[in-house]
Amino acid sequence: MTVKVNGKEEVLEKEISLLQFLQSKNIDLDVVVVEYNYDIVQRDKWGEITLKEGDNLEVLQFVGGG
């Protein structure tokens, strides 16, 4: 199954939740916002979304600076 993540295609071996996907990438869940198929998804819904063929994800990470 292929999904697009930040503009790049990624192949997944099986269906997984959005939360499982983010965890598998070692992403700090406290500092990201996720757009799933062009809609911002609330953090408490990540475990309810199962990634499917052709889905589009944008994972945006907050960074501090000065």
PDB file of N, CA and C in Angstrom:
ATOM      1  N   MET A   1       0.853  -1.156   0.000  1.00  0.00           N
ATOM      2  CA  MET A   1       0.000   0.000   0.000  1.00  0.00           C
ATOM      3  C   MET A   1       0.910   1.232   0.000  1.00  0.00           C
ATOM      4  N   THR A   2       0.533   2.212  -0.789  1.00  0.00           N
ATOM      5  CA  THR A   2       1.335   3.429  -0.911  1.00  0.00           C
ATOM      6  C   THR A   2       0.559   4.635  -0.394  1.00  0.00           C
ATOM      7  N   VAL A   3       1.223   5.432   0.441  1.00  0.00           N
ATOM      8  CA  VAL A   3       0.676   6.696   0.910  1.00  0.00           C
ATOM      9  C   VAL A   3       1.703   7.778   0.623  1.00  0.00           C
ATOM     10  N   LYS A   4       1.258   9.007   0.568  1.00  0.00           N
ATOM     11  CA  LYS A   4       2.171  10.116   0.333  1.00  0.00           C
ATOM     12  C   LYS A   4       2.365  10.861   1.645  1.00  0.00           C
ATOM     13  N   VAL A   5       3.636  11.033   2.031  1.00  0.00           N
ATOM     14  CA  VAL A   5       3.978  11.704   3.280  1.00  0.00           C
ATOM     15  C   VAL A   5       4.897  12.875   2.961  1.00  0.00           C
ATOM     16  N   ASN A   6       4.431  14.072   3.246  1.00  0.00           N
ATOM     17  CA  ASN A   6       5.190  15.291   2.965  1.00  0.00           C
ATOM     18  C   ASN A   6       5.688  15.315   1.518  1.00  0.00           C
ATOM     19  N   GLY A   7       4.807  14.891   0.608  1.00  0.00           N
ATOM     20  CA  GLY A   7       5.110  14.946  -0.816  1.00  0.00           C
ATOM     21  C   GLY A   7       5.878  13.763  -1.381  1.00  0.00           C
ATOM     22  N   LYS A   8       6.278  12.808  -0.537  1.00  0.00           N
ATOM     23  CA  LYS A   8       7.044  11.645  -1.003  1.00  0.00           C
ATOM     24  C   LYS A   8       6.231  10.374  -0.785  1.00  0.00           C
ATOM     25  N   GLU A   9       6.271   9.486  -1.769  1.00  0.00           N
ATOM     26  CA  GLU A   9       5.540   8.224  -1.627  1.00  0.00           C
ATOM     27  C   GLU A   9       6.258   7.302  -0.655  1.00  0.00           C
ATOM     28  N   GLU A  10       5.450   6.644   0.163  1.00  0.00           N
ATOM     29  CA  GLU A  10       5.973   5.694   1.122  1.00  0.00           C
ATOM     30  C   GLU A  10       5.146   4.424   1.056  1.00  0.00           C
ATOM     31  N   VAL A  11       5.814   3.281   1.045  1.00  0.00           N
ATOM     32  CA  VAL A  11       5.134   1.992   0.960  1.00  0.00           C
ATOM     33  C   VAL A  11       4.970   1.424   2.364  1.00  0.00           C
ATOM     34  N   LEU A  12       3.733   1.058   2.684  1.00  0.00           N
ATOM     35  CA  LEU A  12       3.435   0.424   3.967  1.00  0.00           C
ATOM     36  C   LEU A  12       3.096  -1.036   3.716  1.00  0.00           C
ATOM     37  N   GLU A  13       3.592  -1.911   4.564  1.00  0.00           N
ATOM     38  CA  GLU A  13       3.370  -3.341   4.376  1.00  0.00           C
ATOM     39  C   GLU A  13       1.965  -3.780   4.763  1.00  0.00           C
ATOM     40  N   LYS A  14       1.347  -3.047   5.704  1.00  0.00           N
ATOM     41  CA  LYS A  14       0.012  -3.426   6.164  1.00  0.00           C
ATOM     42  C   LYS A  14      -0.722  -2.173   6.603  1.00  0.00           C
ATOM     43  N   GLU A  15      -2.029  -2.317   6.815  1.00  0.00           N
ATOM     44  CA  GLU A  15      -2.810  -1.195   7.322  1.00  0.00           C
ATOM     45  C   GLU A  15      -2.422  -0.928   8.766  1.00  0.00           C
ATOM     46  N   ILE A  16      -2.168   0.338   9.068  1.00  0.00           N
ATOM     47  CA  ILE A  16      -1.866   0.745  10.430  1.00  0.00           C
ATOM     48  C   ILE A  16      -2.582   2.067  10.697  1.00  0.00           C
ATOM     49  N   SER A  17      -2.703   2.386  11.969  1.00  0.00           N
ATOM     50  CA  SER A  17      -3.336   3.663  12.315  1.00  0.00           C
ATOM     51  C   SER A  17      -2.345   4.797  12.091  1.00  0.00           C
ATOM     52  N   LEU A  18      -2.885   5.981  11.999  1.00  0.00           N
ATOM     53  CA  LEU A  18      -2.045   7.166  11.874  1.00  0.00           C
ATOM     54  C   LEU A  18      -1.108   7.270  13.071  1.00  0.00           C
ATOM     55  N   LEU A  19      -1.618   6.993  14.265  1.00  0.00           N
ATOM     56  CA  LEU A  19      -0.797   7.039  15.473  1.00  0.00           C
ATOM     57  C   LEU A  19       0.353   6.035  15.394  1.00  0.00           C
ATOM     58  N   GLN A  20       0.060   4.808  14.976  1.00  0.00           N
ATOM     59  CA  GLN A  20       1.108   3.788  14.853  1.00  0.00           C
ATOM     60  C   GLN A  20       2.163   4.208  13.827  1.00  0.00           C
ATOM     61  N   PHE A  21       1.722   4.818  12.740  1.00  0.00           N
ATOM     62  CA  PHE A  21       2.656   5.280  11.720  1.00  0.00           C
ATOM     63  C   PHE A  21       3.607   6.325  12.298  1.00  0.00           C
ATOM     64  N   LEU A  22       3.056   7.313  12.985  1.00  0.00           N
ATOM     65  CA  LEU A  22       3.884   8.368  13.566  1.00  0.00           C
ATOM     66  C   LEU A  22       4.864   7.796  14.586  1.00  0.00           C
ATOM     67  N   GLN A  23       4.388   6.871  15.401  1.00  0.00           N
ATOM     68  CA  GLN A  23       5.263   6.241  16.392  1.00  0.00           C
ATOM     69  C   GLN A  23       6.372   5.435  15.725  1.00  0.00           C
ATOM     70  N   SER A  24       6.069   4.773  14.612  1.00  0.00           N
ATOM     71  CA  SER A  24       7.075   3.975  13.904  1.00  0.00           C
ATOM     72  C   SER A  24       8.184   4.837  13.320  1.00  0.00           C
ATOM     73  N   LYS A  25       7.886   6.123  13.118  1.00  0.00           N
ATOM     74  CA  LYS A  25       8.871   7.073  12.574  1.00  0.00           C
ATOM     75  C   LYS A  25       9.614   7.819  13.683  1.00  0.00           C
ATOM     76  N   ASN A  26       9.354   7.433  14.936  1.00  0.00           N
ATOM     77  CA  ASN A  26       9.986   8.074  16.092  1.00  0.00           C
ATOM     78  C   ASN A  26       9.775   9.582  16.109  1.00  0.00           C
ATOM     79  N   ILE A  27       8.577   9.992  15.748  1.00  0.00           N
ATOM     80  CA  ILE A  27       8.221  11.403  15.731  1.00  0.00           C
ATOM     81  C   ILE A  27       7.766  11.808  17.129  1.00  0.00           C
ATOM     82  N   ASP A  28       8.262  12.956  17.588  1.00  0.00           N
ATOM     83  CA  ASP A  28       7.848  13.486  18.889  1.00  0.00           C
ATOM     84  C   ASP A  28       6.417  13.988  18.748  1.00  0.00           C
ATOM     85  N   LEU A  29       5.475  13.242  19.281  1.00  0.00           N
ATOM     86  CA  LEU A  29       4.057  13.528  19.096  1.00  0.00           C
ATOM     87  C   LEU A  29       3.603  14.826  19.752  1.00  0.00           C
ATOM     88  N   ASP A  30       4.400  15.340  20.662  1.00  0.00           N
ATOM     89  CA  ASP A  30       4.030  16.570  21.359  1.00  0.00           C
ATOM     90  C   ASP A  30       4.283  17.828  20.538  1.00  0.00           C
ATOM     91  N   VAL A  31       5.047  17.712  19.459  1.00  0.00           N
ATOM     92  CA  VAL A  31       5.429  18.917  18.709  1.00  0.00           C
ATOM     93  C   VAL A  31       5.049  18.841  17.232  1.00  0.00           C
ATOM     94  N   VAL A  32       4.044  18.028  16.894  1.00  0.00           N
ATOM     95  CA  VAL A  32       3.634  17.927  15.494  1.00  0.00           C
ATOM     96  C   VAL A  32       2.145  18.211  15.318  1.00  0.00           C
ATOM     97  N   VAL A  33       1.833  18.638  14.119  1.00  0.00           N
ATOM     98  CA  VAL A  33       0.463  18.779  13.647  1.00  0.00           C
ATOM     99  C   VAL A  33       0.377  17.901  12.406  1.00  0.00           C
ATOM    100  N   VAL A  34      -0.735  17.179  12.256  1.00  0.00           N
ATOM    101  CA  VAL A  34      -0.879  16.275  11.117  1.00  0.00           C
ATOM    102  C   VAL A  34      -2.074  16.690  10.265  1.00  0.00           C
ATOM    103  N   GLU A  35      -1.803  16.807   8.972  1.00  0.00           N
ATOM    104  CA  GLU A  35      -2.863  17.030   7.996  1.00  0.00           C
ATOM    105  C   GLU A  35      -3.073  15.703   7.281  1.00  0.00           C
ATOM    106  N   TYR A  36      -4.286  15.188   7.347  1.00  0.00           N
ATOM    107  CA  TYR A  36      -4.627  13.899   6.739  1.00  0.00           C
ATOM    108  C   TYR A  36      -5.641  14.161   5.640  1.00  0.00           C
ATOM    109  N   ASN A  37      -5.253  13.867   4.414  1.00  0.00           N
ATOM    110  CA  ASN A  37      -6.107  14.127   3.247  1.00  0.00           C
ATOM    111  C   ASN A  37      -6.662  15.554   3.278  1.00  0.00           C
ATOM    112  N   TYR A  38      -5.740  16.481   3.533  1.00  0.00           N
ATOM    113  CA  TYR A  38      -5.987  17.930   3.449  1.00  0.00           C
ATOM    114  C   TYR A  38      -6.826  18.501   4.583  1.00  0.00           C
ATOM    115  N   ASP A  39      -7.011  17.747   5.664  1.00  0.00           N
ATOM    116  CA  ASP A  39      -7.704  18.244   6.850  1.00  0.00           C
ATOM    117  C   ASP A  39      -6.807  18.055   8.064  1.00  0.00           C
ATOM    118  N   ILE A  40      -6.718  19.086   8.908  1.00  0.00           N
ATOM    119  CA  ILE A  40      -5.976  18.963  10.158  1.00  0.00           C
ATOM    120  C   ILE A  40      -6.739  17.999  11.068  1.00  0.00           C
ATOM    121  N   VAL A  41      -6.007  17.047  11.660  1.00  0.00           N
ATOM    122  CA  VAL A  41      -6.619  16.037  12.522  1.00  0.00           C
ATOM    123  C   VAL A  41      -6.234  16.312  13.974  1.00  0.00           C
ATOM    124  N   GLN A  42      -7.222  16.323  14.841  1.00  0.00           N
ATOM    125  CA  GLN A  42      -6.964  16.501  16.266  1.00  0.00           C
ATOM    126  C   GLN A  42      -6.181  15.298  16.791  1.00  0.00           C
ATOM    127  N   ARG A  43      -5.276  15.574  17.703  1.00  0.00           N
ATOM    128  CA  ARG A  43      -4.382  14.550  18.269  1.00  0.00           C
ATOM    129  C   ARG A  43      -5.157  13.351  18.832  1.00  0.00           C
ATOM    130  N   ASP A  44      -6.290  13.576  19.460  1.00  0.00           N
ATOM    131  CA  ASP A  44      -7.032  12.471  20.073  1.00  0.00           C
ATOM    132  C   ASP A  44      -7.716  11.566  19.048  1.00  0.00           C
ATOM    133  N   LYS A  45      -7.689  11.920  17.774  1.00  0.00           N
ATOM    134  CA  LYS A  45      -8.281  11.106  16.706  1.00  0.00           C
ATOM    135  C   LYS A  45      -7.246  10.272  15.950  1.00  0.00           C
ATOM    136  N   TRP A  46      -5.962  10.483  16.201  1.00  0.00           N
ATOM    137  CA  TRP A  46      -4.915   9.795  15.455  1.00  0.00           C
ATOM    138  C   TRP A  46      -5.033   8.274  15.510  1.00  0.00           C
ATOM    139  N   GLY A  47      -5.410   7.734  16.661  1.00  0.00           N
ATOM    140  CA  GLY A  47      -5.537   6.286  16.811  1.00  0.00           C
ATOM    141  C   GLY A  47      -6.750   5.709  16.097  1.00  0.00           C
ATOM    142  N   GLU A  48      -7.710   6.568  15.739  1.00  0.00           N
ATOM    143  CA  GLU A  48      -8.944   6.116  15.093  1.00  0.00           C
ATOM    144  C   GLU A  48      -8.847   6.073  13.571  1.00  0.00           C
ATOM    145  N   ILE A  49      -7.806   6.688  13.022  1.00  0.00           N
ATOM    146  CA  ILE A  49      -7.667   6.765  11.560  1.00  0.00           C
ATOM    147  C   ILE A  49      -6.763   5.647  11.073  1.00  0.00           C
ATOM    148  N   THR A  50      -7.272   4.828  10.159  1.00  0.00           N
ATOM    149  CA  THR A  50      -6.477   3.774   9.542  1.00  0.00           C
ATOM    150  C   THR A  50      -6.019   4.262   8.182  1.00  0.00           C
ATOM    151  N   LEU A  51      -4.711   4.225   7.952  1.00  0.00           N
ATOM    152  CA  LEU A  51      -4.167   4.680   6.677  1.00  0.00           C
ATOM    153  C   LEU A  51      -4.577   3.716   5.566  1.00  0.00           C
ATOM    154  N   LYS A  52      -4.922   4.299   4.408  1.00  0.00           N
ATOM    155  CA  LYS A  52      -5.383   3.518   3.268  1.00  0.00           C
ATOM    156  C   LYS A  52      -4.599   3.909   2.021  1.00  0.00           C
ATOM    157  N   GLU A  53      -4.660   3.067   1.017  1.00  0.00           N
ATOM    158  CA  GLU A  53      -4.008   3.316  -0.265  1.00  0.00           C
ATOM    159  C   GLU A  53      -4.351   4.714  -0.774  1.00  0.00           C
ATOM    160  N   GLY A  54      -3.308   5.464  -1.138  1.00  0.00           N
ATOM    161  CA  GLY A  54      -3.501   6.777  -1.738  1.00  0.00           C
ATOM    162  C   GLY A  54      -3.698   7.924  -0.769  1.00  0.00           C
ATOM    163  N   ASP A  55      -3.678   7.643   0.545  1.00  0.00           N
ATOM    164  CA  ASP A  55      -3.837   8.729   1.513  1.00  0.00           C
ATOM    165  C   ASP A  55      -2.687   9.720   1.407  1.00  0.00           C
ATOM    166  N   ASN A  56      -2.968  10.952   1.808  1.00  0.00           N
ATOM    167  CA  ASN A  56      -1.979  12.015   1.778  1.00  0.00           C
ATOM    168  C   ASN A  56      -1.790  12.567   3.192  1.00  0.00           C
ATOM    169  N   LEU A  57      -0.538  12.579   3.653  1.00  0.00           N
ATOM    170  CA  LEU A  57      -0.215  13.098   4.980  1.00  0.00           C
ATOM    171  C   LEU A  57       0.783  14.237   4.867  1.00  0.00           C
ATOM    172  N   GLU A  58       0.581  15.247   5.669  1.00  0.00           N
ATOM    173  CA  GLU A  58       1.578  16.288   5.872  1.00  0.00           C
ATOM    174  C   GLU A  58       1.827  16.323   7.370  1.00  0.00           C
ATOM    175  N   VAL A  59       3.069  16.096   7.756  1.00  0.00           N
ATOM    176  CA  VAL A  59       3.444  16.094   9.165  1.00  0.00           C
ATOM    177  C   VAL A  59       4.312  17.322   9.394  1.00  0.00           C
ATOM    178  N   LEU A  60       3.794  18.255  10.184  1.00  0.00           N
ATOM    179  CA  LEU A  60       4.483  19.517  10.426  1.00  0.00           C
ATOM    180  C   LEU A  60       4.979  19.547  11.860  1.00  0.00           C
ATOM    181  N   GLN A  61       6.258  19.862  12.011  1.00  0.00           N
ATOM    182  CA  GLN A  61       6.873  19.860  13.337  1.00  0.00           C
ATOM    183  C   GLN A  61       7.188  21.295  13.751  1.00  0.00           C
ATOM    184  N   PHE A  62       6.816  21.623  14.980  1.00  0.00           N
ATOM    185  CA  PHE A  62       7.141  22.941  15.527  1.00  0.00           C
ATOM    186  C   PHE A  62       8.577  22.956  15.995  1.00  0.00           C
ATOM    187  N   VAL A  63       9.278  24.018  15.692  1.00  0.00           N
ATOM    188  CA  VAL A  63      10.642  24.188  16.186  1.00  0.00           C
ATOM    189  C   VAL A  63      10.775  25.568  16.805  1.00  0.00           C
ATOM    190  N   GLY A  64      11.557  25.641  17.843  1.00  0.00           N
ATOM    191  CA  GLY A  64      11.792  26.911  18.493  1.00  0.00           C
ATOM    192  C   GLY A  64      13.036  27.569  17.929  1.00  0.00           C
ATOM    193  N   GLY A  65      13.132  28.821  18.115  1.00  0.00           N
ATOM    194  CA  GLY A  65      14.310  29.525  17.641  1.00  0.00           C
ATOM    195  C   GLY A  65      14.261  30.964  18.093  1.00  0.00           C
ATOM    196  N   GLY A  66      15.259  31.659  17.712  1.00  0.00           N
ATOM    197  CA  GLY A  66      15.273  33.046  18.126  1.00  0.00           C
ATOM    198  C   GLY A  66      16.195  33.857  17.283  1.00  0.00           C
TER     199      GLY A  66
END
